[in-house]
Amino acid sequence: MDPLYAWLKAAHVFGVVLFLGNIIVTGWWKAMADRHGDRPSPSPSAR
């Protein structure tokens, strides 16, 4: 396997993990804020 291909593939997978992790964490914080009734907190994350 070409080293450049392996590096690009690893960078792509790392980017996907960061992207999906960001979506999951944003949803988690919004769910926790809704659960505790903290109204000012979810508004920035829901935009």
PDB file of N, CA and C in Angstrom:
ATOM      1  N   MET A   1       0.855  -1.174   0.000  1.00  0.00           N
ATOM      2  CA  MET A   1       0.000   0.000   0.000  1.00  0.00           C
ATOM      3  C   MET A   1       0.903   1.240   0.000  1.00  0.00           C
ATOM      4  N   ASP A   2       0.533   2.193  -0.786  1.00  0.00           N
ATOM      5  CA  ASP A   2       1.280   3.444  -0.893  1.00  0.00           C
ATOM      6  C   ASP A   2       1.198   4.214   0.426  1.00  0.00           C
ATOM      7  N   PRO A   3       2.313   4.718   0.960  1.00  0.00           N
ATOM      8  CA  PRO A   3       2.286   5.447   2.231  1.00  0.00           C
ATOM      9  C   PRO A   3       1.400   6.698   2.200  1.00  0.00           C
ATOM     10  N   LEU A   4       1.367   7.376   1.055  1.00  0.00           N
ATOM     11  CA  LEU A   4       0.509   8.554   0.954  1.00  0.00           C
ATOM     12  C   LEU A   4      -0.960   8.158   1.062  1.00  0.00           C
ATOM     13  N   TYR A   5      -1.344   7.072   0.405  1.00  0.00           N
ATOM     14  CA  TYR A   5      -2.723   6.591   0.484  1.00  0.00           C
ATOM     15  C   TYR A   5      -3.084   6.232   1.918  1.00  0.00           C
ATOM     16  N   ALA A   6      -2.184   5.546   2.613  1.00  0.00           N
ATOM     17  CA  ALA A   6      -2.447   5.152   4.002  1.00  0.00           C
ATOM     18  C   ALA A   6      -2.596   6.384   4.889  1.00  0.00           C
ATOM     19  N   TRP A   7      -1.748   7.388   4.680  1.00  0.00           N
ATOM     20  CA  TRP A   7      -1.830   8.602   5.488  1.00  0.00           C
ATOM     21  C   TRP A   7      -3.136   9.345   5.220  1.00  0.00           C
ATOM     22  N   LEU A   8      -3.506   9.463   3.959  1.00  0.00           N
ATOM     23  CA  LEU A   8      -4.759  10.147   3.617  1.00  0.00           C
ATOM     24  C   LEU A   8      -5.975   9.401   4.150  1.00  0.00           C
ATOM     25  N   LYS A   9      -5.929   8.081   4.083  1.00  0.00           N
ATOM     26  CA  LYS A   9      -7.038   7.285   4.611  1.00  0.00           C
ATOM     27  C   LYS A   9      -7.153   7.458   6.123  1.00  0.00           C
ATOM     28  N   ALA A  10      -6.025   7.444   6.833  1.00  0.00           N
ATOM     29  CA  ALA A  10      -6.027   7.644   8.284  1.00  0.00           C
ATOM     30  C   ALA A  10      -6.542   9.044   8.634  1.00  0.00           C
ATOM     31  N   ALA A  11      -6.132  10.048   7.875  1.00  0.00           N
ATOM     32  CA  ALA A  11      -6.612  11.408   8.117  1.00  0.00           C
ATOM     33  C   ALA A  11      -8.113  11.508   7.877  1.00  0.00           C
ATOM     34  N   HIS A  12      -8.604  10.827   6.870  1.00  0.00           N
ATOM     35  CA  HIS A  12     -10.032  10.825   6.570  1.00  0.00           C
ATOM     36  C   HIS A  12     -10.822  10.163   7.699  1.00  0.00           C
ATOM     37  N   VAL A  13     -10.363   9.010   8.159  1.00  0.00           N
ATOM     38  CA  VAL A  13     -11.046   8.311   9.251  1.00  0.00           C
ATOM     39  C   VAL A  13     -11.026   9.166  10.518  1.00  0.00           C
ATOM     40  N   PHE A  14      -9.900   9.799  10.808  1.00  0.00           N
ATOM     41  CA  PHE A  14      -9.799  10.680  11.968  1.00  0.00           C
ATOM     42  C   PHE A  14     -10.796  11.835  11.851  1.00  0.00           C
ATOM     43  N   GLY A  15     -10.927  12.416  10.680  1.00  0.00           N
ATOM     44  CA  GLY A  15     -11.887  13.499  10.461  1.00  0.00           C
ATOM     45  C   GLY A  15     -13.321  13.041  10.645  1.00  0.00           C
ATOM     46  N   VAL A  16     -13.628  11.852  10.181  1.00  0.00           N
ATOM     47  CA  VAL A  16     -14.978  11.310  10.352  1.00  0.00           C
ATOM     48  C   VAL A  16     -15.282  11.094  11.830  1.00  0.00           C
ATOM     49  N   VAL A  17     -14.317  10.567  12.573  1.00  0.00           N
ATOM     50  CA  VAL A  17     -14.506  10.349  14.012  1.00  0.00           C
ATOM     51  C   VAL A  17     -14.749  11.677  14.722  1.00  0.00           C
ATOM     52  N   LEU A  18     -13.974  12.700  14.388  1.00  0.00           N
ATOM     53  CA  LEU A  18     -14.183  14.014  14.995  1.00  0.00           C
ATOM     54  C   LEU A  18     -15.553  14.585  14.638  1.00  0.00           C
ATOM     55  N   PHE A  19     -15.944  14.465  13.383  1.00  0.00           N
ATOM     56  CA  PHE A  19     -17.225  15.000  12.923  1.00  0.00           C
ATOM     57  C   PHE A  19     -18.389  14.321  13.631  1.00  0.00           C
ATOM     58  N   LEU A  20     -18.395  12.997  13.647  1.00  0.00           N
ATOM     59  CA  LEU A  20     -19.485  12.274  14.296  1.00  0.00           C
ATOM     60  C   LEU A  20     -19.468  12.470  15.806  1.00  0.00           C
ATOM     61  N   GLY A  21     -18.282  12.540  16.382  1.00  0.00           N
ATOM     62  CA  GLY A  21     -18.180  12.787  17.813  1.00  0.00           C
ATOM     63  C   GLY A  21     -18.752  14.142  18.189  1.00  0.00           C
ATOM     64  N   ASN A  22     -18.510  15.135  17.360  1.00  0.00           N
ATOM     65  CA  ASN A  22     -19.048  16.470  17.607  1.00  0.00           C
ATOM     66  C   ASN A  22     -20.574  16.445  17.574  1.00  0.00           C
ATOM     67  N   ILE A  23     -21.150  15.741  16.630  1.00  0.00           N
ATOM     68  CA  ILE A  23     -22.606  15.639  16.539  1.00  0.00           C
ATOM     69  C   ILE A  23     -23.168  14.938  17.770  1.00  0.00           C
ATOM     70  N   ILE A  24     -22.547  13.840  18.173  1.00  0.00           N
ATOM     71  CA  ILE A  24     -23.032  13.073  19.322  1.00  0.00           C
ATOM     72  C   ILE A  24     -22.919  13.893  20.605  1.00  0.00           C
ATOM     73  N   VAL A  25     -21.797  14.566  20.817  1.00  0.00           N
ATOM     74  CA  VAL A  25     -21.610  15.354  22.038  1.00  0.00           C
ATOM     75  C   VAL A  25     -22.581  16.537  22.079  1.00  0.00           C
ATOM     76  N   THR A  26     -22.830  17.174  20.958  1.00  0.00           N
ATOM     77  CA  THR A  26     -23.786  18.277  20.919  1.00  0.00           C
ATOM     78  C   THR A  26     -25.179  17.781  21.296  1.00  0.00           C
ATOM     79  N   GLY A  27     -25.573  16.647  20.760  1.00  0.00           N
ATOM     80  CA  GLY A  27     -26.863  16.064  21.121  1.00  0.00           C
ATOM     81  C   GLY A  27     -26.929  15.686  22.592  1.00  0.00           C
ATOM     82  N   TRP A  28     -25.831  15.177  23.114  1.00  0.00           N
ATOM     83  CA  TRP A  28     -25.780  14.796  24.534  1.00  0.00           C
ATOM     84  C   TRP A  28     -25.976  16.020  25.430  1.00  0.00           C
ATOM     85  N   TRP A  29     -25.238  17.105  25.144  1.00  0.00           N
ATOM     86  CA  TRP A  29     -25.371  18.303  25.972  1.00  0.00           C
ATOM     87  C   TRP A  29     -26.771  18.881  25.882  1.00  0.00           C
ATOM     88  N   LYS A  30     -27.364  18.862  24.690  1.00  0.00           N
ATOM     89  CA  LYS A  30     -28.721  19.378  24.550  1.00  0.00           C
ATOM     90  C   LYS A  30     -29.703  18.522  25.322  1.00  0.00           C
ATOM     91  N   ALA A  31     -29.555  17.212  25.241  1.00  0.00           N
ATOM     92  CA  ALA A  31     -30.453  16.318  25.984  1.00  0.00           C
ATOM     93  C   ALA A  31     -30.318  16.525  27.486  1.00  0.00           C
ATOM     94  N   MET A  32     -29.100  16.686  27.971  1.00  0.00           N
ATOM     95  CA  MET A  32     -28.898  16.902  29.409  1.00  0.00           C
ATOM     96  C   MET A  32     -29.456  18.261  29.849  1.00  0.00           C
ATOM     97  N   ALA A  33     -29.299  19.283  29.011  1.00  0.00           N
ATOM     98  CA  ALA A  33     -29.847  20.598  29.344  1.00  0.00           C
ATOM     99  C   ALA A  33     -31.371  20.554  29.356  1.00  0.00           C
ATOM    100  N   ASP A  34     -31.974  19.868  28.389  1.00  0.00           N
ATOM    101  CA  ASP A  34     -33.431  19.723  28.373  1.00  0.00           C
ATOM    102  C   ASP A  34     -33.919  18.943  29.578  1.00  0.00           C
ATOM    103  N   ARG A  35     -33.180  17.939  29.957  1.00  0.00           N
ATOM    104  CA  ARG A  35     -33.570  17.091  31.087  1.00  0.00           C
ATOM    105  C   ARG A  35     -33.565  17.868  32.399  1.00  0.00           C
ATOM    106  N   HIS A  36     -32.609  18.781  32.544  1.00  0.00           N
ATOM    107  CA  HIS A  36     -32.480  19.536  33.779  1.00  0.00           C
ATOM    108  C   HIS A  36     -33.220  20.870  33.735  1.00  0.00           C
ATOM    109  N   GLY A  37     -33.845  21.178  32.631  1.00  0.00           N
ATOM    110  CA  GLY A  37     -34.630  22.399  32.521  1.00  0.00           C
ATOM    111  C   GLY A  37     -33.797  23.658  32.401  1.00  0.00           C
ATOM    112  N   ASP A  38     -32.570  23.541  31.969  1.00  0.00           N
ATOM    113  CA  ASP A  38     -31.693  24.691  31.812  1.00  0.00           C
ATOM    114  C   ASP A  38     -31.929  25.283  30.425  1.00  0.00           C
ATOM    115  N   ARG A  39     -32.770  26.285  30.332  1.00  0.00           N
ATOM    116  CA  ARG A  39     -33.158  26.830  29.025  1.00  0.00           C
ATOM    117  C   ARG A  39     -32.089  27.656  28.326  1.00  0.00           C
ATOM    118  N   PRO A  40     -31.279  28.488  28.992  1.00  0.00           N
ATOM    119  CA  PRO A  40     -30.292  29.256  28.225  1.00  0.00           C
ATOM    120  C   PRO A  40     -29.195  28.392  27.617  1.00  0.00           C
ATOM    121  N   SER A  41     -28.897  27.260  28.216  1.00  0.00           N
ATOM    122  CA  SER A  41     -27.793  26.451  27.755  1.00  0.00           C
ATOM    123  C   SER A  41     -28.024  25.787  26.394  1.00  0.00           C
ATOM    124  N   PRO A  42     -29.188  25.216  26.088  1.00  0.00           N
ATOM    125  CA  PRO A  42     -29.304  24.510  24.808  1.00  0.00           C
ATOM    126  C   PRO A  42     -29.416  25.421  23.581  1.00  0.00           C
ATOM    127  N   SER A  43     -29.743  26.686  23.766  1.00  0.00           N
ATOM    128  CA  SER A  43     -29.942  27.524  22.595  1.00  0.00           C
ATOM    129  C   SER A  43     -28.703  27.655  21.708  1.00  0.00           C
ATOM    130  N   PRO A  44     -27.491  27.859  22.245  1.00  0.00           N
ATOM    131  CA  PRO A  44     -26.333  27.916  21.328  1.00  0.00           C
ATOM    132  C   PRO A  44     -26.051  26.582  20.651  1.00  0.00           C
ATOM    133  N   SER A  45     -26.318  25.479  21.331  1.00  0.00           N
ATOM    134  CA  SER A  45     -26.008  24.187  20.725  1.00  0.00           C
ATOM    135  C   SER A  45     -27.064  23.764  19.708  1.00  0.00           C
ATOM    136  N   ALA A  46     -28.249  24.348  19.771  1.00  0.00           N
ATOM    137  CA  ALA A  46     -29.323  23.965  18.861  1.00  0.00           C
ATOM    138  C   ALA A  46     -29.336  24.797  17.589  1.00  0.00           C
ATOM    139  N   ARG A  47     -28.511  25.809  17.502  1.00  0.00           N
ATOM    140  CA  ARG A  47     -28.498  26.673  16.313  1.00  0.00           C
ATOM    141  C   ARG A  47     -27.832  26.013  15.149  1.00  0.00           C
TER     142      ARG A  47
END
